[in-house]
Amino acid sequence: MYLTIKETAEYLSMPEAVVESLVQQNKIRTIFDGQQHLINKEQFNTHFEQLEKYKKMVEEYLSEPIPEDWDAKDED
C-alpha cells in the first residue's frame, strides 16, 4: 500500500516537514508519480518491529530487582 507524505506523517505520528526532510535525505524510499511522492508503507515494518523489541528489552531491564548491597568493608 502506498501513502502520500501527509498520510505517512500521520502513520508515523510525526510532522509532515520531518517526513519531507527524510525523503529529501533519501532515508525514506519513495516513488514519484509526476505530481507527488508515494511511500510504500511496508518499509516501516522492520522499524516498528525493532521498536517493539527495544521496548521489551527496556521493560525487562527495568523490572529486574536491584541486588542487595553486599557492603564491602575496608579492613585496612
N, C-alpha and C. Protein backbone atom coordinates (compact mmCIF):
# COMPACT_ATOMS: atom_id res chain seq x y z
N MET A 1 0.84 -1.17 0.00
CA MET A 1 0.00 0.00 0.00
C MET A 1 0.89 1.24 0.00
N TYR A 2 0.55 2.18 -0.84
CA TYR A 2 1.34 3.42 -0.95
C TYR A 2 0.61 4.57 -0.26
N LEU A 3 1.39 5.40 0.41
CA LEU A 3 0.85 6.54 1.14
C LEU A 3 1.47 7.83 0.62
N THR A 4 0.74 8.92 0.75
CA THR A 4 1.30 10.22 0.44
C THR A 4 2.16 10.67 1.63
N ILE A 5 2.84 11.78 1.48
CA ILE A 5 3.67 12.29 2.58
C ILE A 5 2.80 12.63 3.79
N LYS A 6 1.63 13.23 3.53
CA LYS A 6 0.73 13.58 4.63
C LYS A 6 0.26 12.33 5.36
N GLU A 7 -0.16 11.32 4.62
CA GLU A 7 -0.62 10.07 5.24
C GLU A 7 0.51 9.37 5.99
N THR A 8 1.72 9.43 5.44
CA THR A 8 2.88 8.82 6.10
C THR A 8 3.17 9.54 7.41
N ALA A 9 3.07 10.85 7.42
CA ALA A 9 3.30 11.62 8.64
C ALA A 9 2.30 11.23 9.72
N GLU A 10 1.04 11.04 9.32
CA GLU A 10 0.03 10.61 10.29
C GLU A 10 0.32 9.19 10.78
N TYR A 11 0.72 8.31 9.86
CA TYR A 11 1.02 6.92 10.21
C TYR A 11 2.18 6.82 11.19
N LEU A 12 3.20 7.67 10.98
CA LEU A 12 4.38 7.64 11.83
C LEU A 12 4.28 8.58 13.03
N SER A 13 3.19 9.33 13.13
CA SER A 13 2.98 10.30 14.21
C SER A 13 4.12 11.31 14.29
N MET A 14 4.40 11.94 13.16
CA MET A 14 5.42 12.97 13.12
C MET A 14 4.98 14.06 12.15
N PRO A 15 5.56 15.25 12.24
CA PRO A 15 5.17 16.34 11.35
C PRO A 15 5.52 16.05 9.88
N GLU A 16 4.73 16.63 8.98
CA GLU A 16 4.97 16.45 7.56
C GLU A 16 6.36 16.95 7.16
N ALA A 17 6.81 18.05 7.76
CA ALA A 17 8.11 18.62 7.42
C ALA A 17 9.23 17.62 7.69
N VAL A 18 9.10 16.84 8.75
CA VAL A 18 10.13 15.85 9.08
C VAL A 18 10.14 14.74 8.03
N VAL A 19 8.95 14.30 7.63
CA VAL A 19 8.86 13.25 6.61
C VAL A 19 9.43 13.77 5.29
N GLU A 20 9.10 15.00 4.92
CA GLU A 20 9.65 15.58 3.69
C GLU A 20 11.16 15.66 3.75
N SER A 21 11.68 16.03 4.91
CA SER A 21 13.13 16.11 5.09
C SER A 21 13.78 14.73 4.93
N LEU A 22 13.16 13.71 5.50
CA LEU A 22 13.69 12.35 5.39
C LEU A 22 13.63 11.86 3.95
N VAL A 23 12.61 12.26 3.21
CA VAL A 23 12.51 11.90 1.79
C VAL A 23 13.64 12.56 1.02
N GLN A 24 13.89 13.84 1.29
CA GLN A 24 14.96 14.57 0.60
C GLN A 24 16.33 14.00 0.92
N GLN A 25 16.50 13.48 2.12
CA GLN A 25 17.78 12.88 2.53
C GLN A 25 17.90 11.43 2.08
N ASN A 26 16.90 10.92 1.36
CA ASN A 26 16.85 9.53 0.88
C ASN A 26 16.85 8.51 2.02
N LYS A 27 16.31 8.89 3.17
CA LYS A 27 16.20 7.96 4.28
C LYS A 27 14.87 7.22 4.22
N ILE A 28 13.92 7.76 3.45
CA ILE A 28 12.66 7.09 3.18
C ILE A 28 12.58 6.93 1.67
N ARG A 29 12.38 5.69 1.22
CA ARG A 29 12.28 5.43 -0.22
C ARG A 29 10.91 5.84 -0.73
N THR A 30 10.87 6.48 -1.89
CA THR A 30 9.62 6.93 -2.48
C THR A 30 9.58 6.62 -3.97
N ILE A 31 8.39 6.74 -4.49
CA ILE A 31 8.17 6.69 -5.94
C ILE A 31 7.51 8.02 -6.29
N PHE A 32 8.06 8.71 -7.28
CA PHE A 32 7.47 9.99 -7.70
C PHE A 32 6.63 9.73 -8.94
N ASP A 33 5.34 10.03 -8.85
CA ASP A 33 4.43 9.73 -9.95
C ASP A 33 4.22 10.93 -10.88
N GLY A 34 5.06 11.95 -10.76
CA GLY A 34 4.92 13.14 -11.59
C GLY A 34 4.26 14.28 -10.85
N GLN A 35 3.51 13.98 -9.81
CA GLN A 35 2.83 15.01 -9.03
C GLN A 35 3.21 14.97 -7.56
N GLN A 36 3.38 13.78 -7.04
CA GLN A 36 3.66 13.65 -5.61
C GLN A 36 4.52 12.42 -5.34
N HIS A 37 5.13 12.42 -4.18
CA HIS A 37 5.92 11.27 -3.75
C HIS A 37 4.98 10.27 -3.10
N LEU A 38 5.10 9.00 -3.48
CA LEU A 38 4.33 7.93 -2.86
C LEU A 38 5.29 7.04 -2.09
N ILE A 39 4.91 6.66 -0.89
CA ILE A 39 5.77 5.93 0.02
C ILE A 39 5.15 4.58 0.32
N ASN A 40 5.93 3.52 0.14
CA ASN A 40 5.45 2.18 0.43
C ASN A 40 5.41 1.99 1.95
N LYS A 41 4.24 1.67 2.45
CA LYS A 41 4.02 1.52 3.89
C LYS A 41 4.81 0.35 4.47
N GLU A 42 5.08 -0.68 3.68
CA GLU A 42 5.73 -1.89 4.16
C GLU A 42 7.18 -1.65 4.62
N GLN A 43 7.82 -0.57 4.14
CA GLN A 43 9.21 -0.35 4.51
C GLN A 43 9.37 0.02 5.98
N PHE A 44 8.28 0.33 6.67
CA PHE A 44 8.36 0.70 8.08
C PHE A 44 8.13 -0.48 9.01
N ASN A 45 7.79 -1.66 8.48
CA ASN A 45 7.54 -2.82 9.32
C ASN A 45 8.74 -3.18 10.18
N THR A 46 9.92 -3.21 9.58
CA THR A 46 11.13 -3.55 10.33
C THR A 46 11.39 -2.53 11.43
N HIS A 47 11.16 -1.27 11.12
CA HIS A 47 11.36 -0.21 12.11
C HIS A 47 10.46 -0.43 13.32
N PHE A 48 9.19 -0.74 13.07
CA PHE A 48 8.26 -0.95 14.18
C PHE A 48 8.59 -2.22 14.95
N GLU A 49 9.06 -3.25 14.27
CA GLU A 49 9.47 -4.48 14.94
C GLU A 49 10.66 -4.21 15.86
N GLN A 50 11.62 -3.42 15.39
CA GLN A 50 12.78 -3.09 16.20
C GLN A 50 12.38 -2.24 17.41
N LEU A 51 11.43 -1.33 17.22
CA LEU A 51 10.95 -0.53 18.34
C LEU A 51 10.32 -1.41 19.41
N GLU A 52 9.51 -2.37 18.99
CA GLU A 52 8.87 -3.27 19.95
C GLU A 52 9.91 -4.10 20.69
N LYS A 53 10.92 -4.58 19.97
CA LYS A 53 11.98 -5.37 20.60
C LYS A 53 12.74 -4.51 21.62
N TYR A 54 13.02 -3.26 21.26
CA TYR A 54 13.73 -2.36 22.17
C TYR A 54 12.89 -2.07 23.41
N LYS A 55 11.58 -1.82 23.22
CA LYS A 55 10.71 -1.57 24.37
C LYS A 55 10.69 -2.76 25.31
N LYS A 56 10.67 -3.96 24.74
CA LYS A 56 10.65 -5.17 25.56
C LYS A 56 11.95 -5.29 26.35
N MET A 57 13.09 -4.99 25.71
CA MET A 57 14.38 -5.05 26.41
C MET A 57 14.42 -4.06 27.56
N VAL A 58 13.92 -2.84 27.34
CA VAL A 58 13.92 -1.82 28.39
C VAL A 58 13.02 -2.25 29.53
N GLU A 59 11.84 -2.80 29.22
CA GLU A 59 10.94 -3.26 30.27
C GLU A 59 11.58 -4.36 31.11
N GLU A 60 12.26 -5.30 30.45
CA GLU A 60 12.94 -6.38 31.17
C GLU A 60 14.04 -5.82 32.07
N TYR A 61 14.79 -4.86 31.56
CA TYR A 61 15.86 -4.26 32.34
C TYR A 61 15.30 -3.53 33.56
N LEU A 62 14.23 -2.78 33.36
CA LEU A 62 13.65 -2.01 34.46
C LEU A 62 12.94 -2.89 35.48
N SER A 63 12.51 -4.07 35.08
CA SER A 63 11.80 -4.94 36.01
C SER A 63 12.75 -5.82 36.83
N GLU A 64 14.03 -5.83 36.51
CA GLU A 64 14.98 -6.61 37.30
C GLU A 64 15.11 -6.01 38.69
N PRO A 65 15.11 -6.83 39.71
CA PRO A 65 15.26 -6.29 41.06
C PRO A 65 16.69 -5.78 41.28
N ILE A 66 16.79 -4.78 42.11
CA ILE A 66 18.10 -4.22 42.43
C ILE A 66 18.77 -5.18 43.41
N PRO A 67 20.01 -5.59 43.11
CA PRO A 67 20.68 -6.53 44.02
C PRO A 67 20.96 -5.87 45.38
N GLU A 68 20.97 -6.70 46.40
CA GLU A 68 21.26 -6.18 47.73
C GLU A 68 22.68 -5.66 47.80
N ASP A 69 22.88 -4.66 48.61
CA ASP A 69 24.22 -4.08 48.78
C ASP A 69 25.06 -5.08 49.56
N TRP A 70 26.16 -5.50 48.99
CA TRP A 70 26.98 -6.51 49.64
C TRP A 70 27.88 -5.91 50.68
N ASP A 71 27.84 -4.60 50.87
CA ASP A 71 28.51 -3.90 51.98
C ASP A 71 29.96 -4.33 52.16
N ALA A 72 30.78 -3.96 51.22
CA ALA A 72 32.21 -4.28 51.33
C ALA A 72 32.83 -3.40 52.41
N LYS A 73 33.55 -4.03 53.31
CA LYS A 73 34.17 -3.28 54.40
C LYS A 73 35.68 -3.26 54.16
N ASP A 74 36.22 -2.11 54.33
CA ASP A 74 37.65 -1.94 54.16
C ASP A 74 38.32 -2.30 55.48
N GLU A 75 39.22 -3.29 55.47
CA GLU A 75 39.83 -3.74 56.71
C GLU A 75 41.28 -3.34 56.80
N ASP A 76 41.57 -2.13 56.38
CA ASP A 76 42.97 -1.65 56.47
C ASP A 76 43.31 -1.27 57.86
